[in-house]
Amino acid sequence: MADYKHGEMNIEAQEKTYESFVKIVAYSAVAILVFLVFLYLVNG
């Protein structure tokens, strides 16, 4: 642990993964809402 310097780690891959995860969650939430509205309109 002596070689560790706080703030020097490359976190680019983690940031890209998190960004992709947030996009997938957002698109999924919108898709689910659209699907639920569609079911509501069809079944009235």
Protein backbone atom coordinates (compact mmCIF):
# COMPACT_ATOMS: atom_id res chain seq x y z
CA MET A 1 0.00 0.00 0.00
CA ALA A 2 3.00 2.31 0.26
CA ASP A 3 2.97 2.93 -3.52
CA TYR A 4 -0.67 4.04 -3.59
CA LYS A 5 -1.25 7.74 -4.27
CA HIS A 6 -4.80 9.01 -3.79
CA GLY A 7 -6.33 10.41 -6.99
CA GLU A 8 -3.79 8.98 -9.45
CA MET A 9 -5.73 5.91 -10.59
CA ASN A 10 -7.11 5.94 -14.14
CA ILE A 11 -10.88 5.59 -13.75
CA GLU A 12 -11.85 6.21 -17.38
CA ALA A 13 -13.18 2.67 -17.87
CA GLN A 14 -15.27 2.85 -14.69
CA GLU A 15 -16.72 6.22 -15.73
CA LYS A 16 -17.72 4.85 -19.16
CA THR A 17 -19.31 1.79 -17.57
CA TYR A 18 -21.28 3.94 -15.11
CA GLU A 19 -22.41 6.27 -17.91
CA SER A 20 -23.62 3.30 -19.96
CA PHE A 21 -25.42 1.85 -16.93
CA VAL A 22 -27.24 5.14 -16.28
CA LYS A 23 -28.32 5.36 -19.94
CA ILE A 24 -29.63 1.79 -19.92
CA VAL A 25 -31.60 2.40 -16.72
CA ALA A 26 -33.07 5.64 -18.09
CA TYR A 27 -34.08 4.08 -21.43
CA SER A 28 -35.52 1.07 -19.64
CA ALA A 29 -37.61 3.26 -17.34
CA VAL A 30 -38.99 5.21 -20.30
CA ALA A 31 -39.73 2.00 -22.22
CA ILE A 32 -41.56 0.51 -19.24
CA LEU A 33 -43.63 3.67 -18.79
CA VAL A 34 -44.55 3.74 -22.47
CA PHE A 35 -45.51 0.07 -22.31
CA LEU A 36 -47.69 0.64 -19.24
CA VAL A 37 -49.45 3.57 -20.91
CA PHE A 38 -50.02 1.42 -23.98
CA LEU A 39 -51.53 -1.37 -21.85
CA TYR A 40 -53.76 1.17 -20.11
CA LEU A 41 -55.00 2.57 -23.42
CA VAL A 42 -55.62 -0.86 -24.95
CA ASN A 43 -57.42 -2.36 -21.96
CA GLY A 44 -59.13 0.90 -20.95
